[in-house]
Amino acid sequence: MIIIIEGADLVGKTTLINGLVGNYPYPVIKLRWELRGDPEIETRGMAKATIAILDAVRPNVILDRSYFSWWAYAQPLGYNDSYMPELIGRYKPVADTRLILLTATAVEIEKRFRKTPDLYFSLDIIQSANNRFPSLLTLLPKELKSLHIDTTATSAIETIQQVESFLDER
């Protein structure tokens, strides 16, 4: 099974992954951008490599983000994202994949940011990406099963339980 965990910074992705690895002892791969050149070329390369590797190997793996994240972050960072719907729609290993999207309210993200500031993005960028992430669900291939959880009022334990129930559905 390929498990993709998506969401802006500070929404609980790492907490969820740490809670899942007991019952899903899969390798965890963190995908991040370097943003040292052309983000479109970098994203297209990341998408092509991700699709090819996952389609060929069909591993049991947890992806801490995927190239899908660029959909949420490109515009807030001032980059073009017009090519993203086509790249997202190209995702192939759909039958073996489950996507979990985590979001939180702006107030909650600000609270978390004040407690533990992000090393890479400002609060405004994170909140803009968080607001944009739900629209990712409309771009996914129809066969790709997804679950969206707002972690504002959902405890870590409840989030893990909801995700495990979702992953156990066949």
C-alpha atoms as a PDB file:
ATOM      1  CA  MET A   1       0.000   0.000   0.000  1.00  0.00           C
ATOM      2  CA  ILE A   2       1.172   3.523  -0.816  1.00  0.00           C
ATOM      3  CA  ILE A   3       0.074   6.020   1.830  1.00  0.00           C
ATOM      4  CA  ILE A   4       0.437   9.699   0.952  1.00  0.00           C
ATOM      5  CA  ILE A   5       0.115  12.188   3.797  1.00  0.00           C
ATOM      6  CA  GLU A   6      -0.504  15.735   2.564  1.00  0.00           C
ATOM      7  CA  GLY A   7      -1.115  19.043   4.269  1.00  0.00           C
ATOM      8  CA  ALA A   8       0.515  22.337   5.093  1.00  0.00           C
ATOM      9  CA  ASP A   9       3.202  22.663   7.711  1.00  0.00           C
ATOM     10  CA  LEU A  10       1.933  22.428  11.317  1.00  0.00           C
ATOM     11  CA  VAL A  11      -1.244  20.430  10.613  1.00  0.00           C
ATOM     12  CA  GLY A  12      -0.033  17.177  12.210  1.00  0.00           C
ATOM     13  CA  LYS A  13       1.527  15.108   9.418  1.00  0.00           C
ATOM     14  CA  THR A  14       4.535  14.003  11.483  1.00  0.00           C
ATOM     15  CA  THR A  15       2.348  13.219  14.496  1.00  0.00           C
ATOM     16  CA  LEU A  16       0.087  11.097  12.292  1.00  0.00           C
ATOM     17  CA  ILE A  17       3.005   9.280  10.669  1.00  0.00           C
ATOM     18  CA  ASN A  18       4.571   8.542  14.062  1.00  0.00           C
ATOM     19  CA  GLY A  19       1.229   7.095  15.181  1.00  0.00           C
ATOM     20  CA  LEU A  20       0.801   4.951  12.069  1.00  0.00           C
ATOM     21  CA  VAL A  21       4.191   3.254  11.931  1.00  0.00           C
ATOM     22  CA  GLY A  22       3.268   0.803  14.710  1.00  0.00           C
ATOM     23  CA  ASN A  23       0.529  -0.828  12.617  1.00  0.00           C
ATOM     24  CA  TYR A  24       2.004   0.160   9.239  1.00  0.00           C
ATOM     25  CA  PRO A  25       5.759  -0.382   9.671  1.00  0.00           C
ATOM     26  CA  TYR A  26       6.556   0.957   6.214  1.00  0.00           C
ATOM     27  CA  PRO A  27       9.510   3.135   5.275  1.00  0.00           C
ATOM     28  CA  VAL A  28       8.710   6.847   5.454  1.00  0.00           C
ATOM     29  CA  ILE A  29       9.950   9.032   2.620  1.00  0.00           C
ATOM     30  CA  LYS A  30       9.995  12.820   3.012  1.00  0.00           C
ATOM     31  CA  LEU A  31       9.791  14.597  -0.323  1.00  0.00           C
ATOM     32  CA  ARG A  32      10.886  18.244  -0.353  1.00  0.00           C
ATOM     33  CA  TRP A  33      11.811  20.808  -2.983  1.00  0.00           C
ATOM     34  CA  GLU A  34      15.214  22.444  -3.259  1.00  0.00           C
ATOM     35  CA  LEU A  35      13.816  25.494  -5.116  1.00  0.00           C
ATOM     36  CA  ARG A  36      17.231  26.337  -6.513  1.00  0.00           C
ATOM     37  CA  GLY A  37      16.210  26.654 -10.128  1.00  0.00           C
ATOM     38  CA  ASP A  38      12.965  26.416 -12.044  1.00  0.00           C
ATOM     39  CA  PRO A  39      10.256  25.012  -9.717  1.00  0.00           C
ATOM     40  CA  GLU A  40       8.203  23.737 -12.665  1.00  0.00           C
ATOM     41  CA  ILE A  41      11.109  21.694 -14.013  1.00  0.00           C
ATOM     42  CA  GLU A  42      11.874  20.423 -10.500  1.00  0.00           C
ATOM     43  CA  THR A  43       8.213  19.492  -9.884  1.00  0.00           C
ATOM     44  CA  ARG A  44       7.832  17.790 -13.263  1.00  0.00           C
ATOM     45  CA  GLY A  45      10.996  15.767 -12.585  1.00  0.00           C
ATOM     46  CA  MET A  46       9.793  14.847  -9.100  1.00  0.00           C
ATOM     47  CA  ALA A  47       6.381  13.806 -10.475  1.00  0.00           C
ATOM     48  CA  LYS A  48       7.859  11.699 -13.272  1.00  0.00           C
ATOM     49  CA  ALA A  49      10.282   9.932 -10.924  1.00  0.00           C
ATOM     50  CA  THR A  50       7.611   9.380  -8.244  1.00  0.00           C
ATOM     51  CA  ILE A  51       5.126   7.891 -10.706  1.00  0.00           C
ATOM     52  CA  ALA A  52       7.725   5.665 -12.397  1.00  0.00           C
ATOM     53  CA  ILE A  53       9.200   4.308  -9.159  1.00  0.00           C
ATOM     54  CA  LEU A  54       5.874   3.699  -7.420  1.00  0.00           C
ATOM     55  CA  ASP A  55       4.307   2.162 -10.530  1.00  0.00           C
ATOM     56  CA  ALA A  56       7.244  -0.196 -11.082  1.00  0.00           C
ATOM     57  CA  VAL A  57       7.868  -1.237  -7.488  1.00  0.00           C
ATOM     58  CA  ARG A  58       4.428  -0.849  -5.827  1.00  0.00           C
ATOM     59  CA  PRO A  59       6.078  -0.673  -2.397  1.00  0.00           C
ATOM     60  CA  ASN A  60       4.524  -0.500   1.025  1.00  0.00           C
ATOM     61  CA  VAL A  61       5.540   3.057   1.844  1.00  0.00           C
ATOM     62  CA  ILE A  62       4.401   6.230   3.585  1.00  0.00           C
ATOM     63  CA  LEU A  63       5.106   9.437   1.680  1.00  0.00           C
ATOM     64  CA  ASP A  64       5.402  12.476   3.920  1.00  0.00           C
ATOM     65  CA  ARG A  65       4.149  14.721   1.126  1.00  0.00           C
ATOM     66  CA  SER A  66       4.345  14.137  -2.592  1.00  0.00           C
ATOM     67  CA  TYR A  67       4.657  16.339  -5.614  1.00  0.00           C
ATOM     68  CA  PHE A  68       0.941  17.116  -5.039  1.00  0.00           C
ATOM     69  CA  SER A  69       2.026  19.579  -2.318  1.00  0.00           C
ATOM     70  CA  TRP A  70       3.267  22.033  -4.917  1.00  0.00           C
ATOM     71  CA  TRP A  71      -0.382  22.665  -5.846  1.00  0.00           C
ATOM     72  CA  ALA A  72      -0.889  24.269  -2.432  1.00  0.00           C
ATOM     73  CA  TYR A  73       2.464  26.039  -2.084  1.00  0.00           C
ATOM     74  CA  ALA A  74       3.234  27.353  -5.610  1.00  0.00           C
ATOM     75  CA  GLN A  75       0.832  30.315  -5.655  1.00  0.00           C
ATOM     76  CA  PRO A  76       1.543  31.486  -2.086  1.00  0.00           C
ATOM     77  CA  LEU A  77       5.255  31.443  -2.969  1.00  0.00           C
ATOM     78  CA  GLY A  78       4.603  33.427  -6.164  1.00  0.00           C
ATOM     79  CA  TYR A  79       5.074  30.623  -8.703  1.00  0.00           C
ATOM     80  CA  ASN A  80       2.972  29.441 -11.629  1.00  0.00           C
ATOM     81  CA  ASP A  81       0.988  26.264 -10.978  1.00  0.00           C
ATOM     82  CA  SER A  82      -1.069  26.020 -14.168  1.00  0.00           C
ATOM     83  CA  TYR A  83       0.589  22.693 -15.077  1.00  0.00           C
ATOM     84  CA  MET A  84      -0.237  21.040 -11.738  1.00  0.00           C
ATOM     85  CA  PRO A  85      -3.767  19.716 -12.480  1.00  0.00           C
ATOM     86  CA  GLU A  86      -2.374  17.738 -15.413  1.00  0.00           C
ATOM     87  CA  LEU A  87       0.552  16.392 -13.322  1.00  0.00           C
ATOM     88  CA  ILE A  88      -1.736  15.412 -10.461  1.00  0.00           C
ATOM     89  CA  GLY A  89      -4.139  13.716 -12.871  1.00  0.00           C
ATOM     90  CA  ARG A  90      -1.244  11.655 -14.244  1.00  0.00           C
ATOM     91  CA  TYR A  91      -0.698   9.813 -10.972  1.00  0.00           C
ATOM     92  CA  LYS A  92      -0.830   6.106 -11.888  1.00  0.00           C
ATOM     93  CA  PRO A  93      -0.493   3.674  -8.967  1.00  0.00           C
ATOM     94  CA  VAL A  94      -4.004   4.625  -7.856  1.00  0.00           C
ATOM     95  CA  ALA A  95      -5.326   1.213  -6.830  1.00  0.00           C
ATOM     96  CA  ASP A  96      -2.577   0.765  -4.256  1.00  0.00           C
ATOM     97  CA  THR A  97      -2.697   4.338  -2.953  1.00  0.00           C
ATOM     98  CA  ARG A  98      -4.556   6.112  -0.158  1.00  0.00           C
ATOM     99  CA  LEU A  99      -4.212   9.855   0.323  1.00  0.00           C
ATOM    100  CA  ILE A 100      -4.774  11.515   3.676  1.00  0.00           C
ATOM    101  CA  LEU A 101      -5.115  15.302   3.707  1.00  0.00           C
ATOM    102  CA  LEU A 102      -4.754  17.128   7.002  1.00  0.00           C
ATOM    103  CA  THR A 103      -5.774  20.749   7.492  1.00  0.00           C
ATOM    104  CA  ALA A 104      -6.458  23.053  10.444  1.00  0.00           C
ATOM    105  CA  THR A 105      -8.114  26.421  10.963  1.00  0.00           C
ATOM    106  CA  ALA A 106      -6.112  29.627  10.564  1.00  0.00           C
ATOM    107  CA  VAL A 107      -6.400  30.287  14.308  1.00  0.00           C
ATOM    108  CA  GLU A 108      -5.059  26.827  15.133  1.00  0.00           C
ATOM    109  CA  ILE A 109      -2.161  27.105  12.684  1.00  0.00           C
ATOM    110  CA  GLU A 110      -1.241  30.491  14.148  1.00  0.00           C
ATOM    111  CA  LYS A 111      -1.315  28.989  17.652  1.00  0.00           C
ATOM    112  CA  ARG A 112       0.966  26.131  16.553  1.00  0.00           C
ATOM    113  CA  PHE A 113       3.254  28.530  14.676  1.00  0.00           C
ATOM    114  CA  ARG A 114       3.653  30.751  17.764  1.00  0.00           C
ATOM    115  CA  LYS A 115       4.565  27.672  19.814  1.00  0.00           C
ATOM    116  CA  THR A 116       6.936  26.167  17.213  1.00  0.00           C
ATOM    117  CA  PRO A 117       7.797  28.494  14.300  1.00  0.00           C
ATOM    118  CA  ASP A 118       8.407  26.820  10.955  1.00  0.00           C
ATOM    119  CA  LEU A 119      11.994  26.911   9.730  1.00  0.00           C
ATOM    120  CA  TYR A 120      11.125  27.355   6.056  1.00  0.00           C
ATOM    121  CA  PHE A 121       7.872  29.269   5.616  1.00  0.00           C
ATOM    122  CA  SER A 122       6.187  32.298   7.133  1.00  0.00           C
ATOM    123  CA  LEU A 123       2.833  32.017   8.859  1.00  0.00           C
ATOM    124  CA  ASP A 124       1.158  33.707   5.858  1.00  0.00           C
ATOM    125  CA  ILE A 125       2.602  31.162   3.403  1.00  0.00           C
ATOM    126  CA  ILE A 126       1.563  28.227   5.598  1.00  0.00           C
ATOM    127  CA  GLN A 127      -1.974  29.563   6.037  1.00  0.00           C
ATOM    128  CA  SER A 128      -2.333  30.250   2.314  1.00  0.00           C
ATOM    129  CA  ALA A 129      -1.176  26.710   1.499  1.00  0.00           C
ATOM    130  CA  ASN A 130      -3.515  25.284   4.136  1.00  0.00           C
ATOM    131  CA  ASN A 131      -6.448  27.179   2.592  1.00  0.00           C
ATOM    132  CA  ARG A 132      -5.551  25.866  -0.850  1.00  0.00           C
ATOM    133  CA  PHE A 133      -4.971  22.211   0.068  1.00  0.00           C
ATOM    134  CA  PRO A 134      -8.665  21.126   0.075  1.00  0.00           C
ATOM    135  CA  SER A 135      -8.941  22.039  -3.625  1.00  0.00           C
ATOM    136  CA  LEU A 136      -6.306  19.347  -4.289  1.00  0.00           C
ATOM    137  CA  LEU A 137      -8.994  16.727  -3.678  1.00  0.00           C
ATOM    138  CA  THR A 138     -10.908  17.876  -6.779  1.00  0.00           C
ATOM    139  CA  LEU A 139      -7.819  17.313  -8.955  1.00  0.00           C
ATOM    140  CA  LEU A 140      -7.029  13.748  -7.890  1.00  0.00           C
ATOM    141  CA  PRO A 141      -7.770  10.850 -10.230  1.00  0.00           C
ATOM    142  CA  LYS A 142     -11.293   9.656  -9.395  1.00  0.00           C
ATOM    143  CA  GLU A 143     -10.031   6.190  -8.417  1.00  0.00           C
ATOM    144  CA  LEU A 144      -7.641   7.570  -5.794  1.00  0.00           C
ATOM    145  CA  LYS A 145      -9.237   7.124  -2.380  1.00  0.00           C
ATOM    146  CA  SER A 146      -8.771  10.086  -0.063  1.00  0.00           C
ATOM    147  CA  LEU A 147      -9.641  11.198   3.439  1.00  0.00           C
ATOM    148  CA  HIS A 148      -9.659  14.808   4.679  1.00  0.00           C
ATOM    149  CA  ILE A 149      -9.355  15.516   8.410  1.00  0.00           C
ATOM    150  CA  ASP A 150      -9.361  18.924  10.083  1.00  0.00           C
ATOM    151  CA  THR A 151      -6.959  18.467  12.993  1.00  0.00           C
ATOM    152  CA  THR A 152      -8.189  21.564  14.837  1.00  0.00           C
ATOM    153  CA  ALA A 153     -10.779  19.721  16.904  1.00  0.00           C
ATOM    154  CA  THR A 154      -9.647  16.157  16.189  1.00  0.00           C
ATOM    155  CA  SER A 155      -7.124  14.771  18.669  1.00  0.00           C
ATOM    156  CA  ALA A 156      -4.030  12.954  17.479  1.00  0.00           C
ATOM    157  CA  ILE A 157      -5.471   9.656  18.735  1.00  0.00           C
ATOM    158  CA  GLU A 158      -8.789  10.243  16.949  1.00  0.00           C
ATOM    159  CA  THR A 159      -6.945  11.228  13.763  1.00  0.00           C
ATOM    160  CA  ILE A 160      -4.855   8.047  13.862  1.00  0.00           C
ATOM    161  CA  GLN A 161      -7.979   5.929  14.479  1.00  0.00           C
ATOM    162  CA  GLN A 162      -9.848   7.546  11.575  1.00  0.00           C
ATOM    163  CA  VAL A 163      -6.882   7.048   9.267  1.00  0.00           C
ATOM    164  CA  GLU A 164      -6.372   3.413  10.288  1.00  0.00           C
ATOM    165  CA  SER A 165     -10.079   2.687   9.656  1.00  0.00           C
ATOM    166  CA  PHE A 166      -9.770   4.360   6.256  1.00  0.00           C
ATOM    167  CA  LEU A 167      -6.635   2.377   5.389  1.00  0.00           C
ATOM    168  CA  ASP A 168      -8.265  -0.900   6.441  1.00  0.00           C
ATOM    169  CA  GLU A 169     -11.176  -0.394   3.996  1.00  0.00           C
ATOM    170  CA  ARG A 170     -10.802  -2.550   0.930  1.00  0.00           C
END
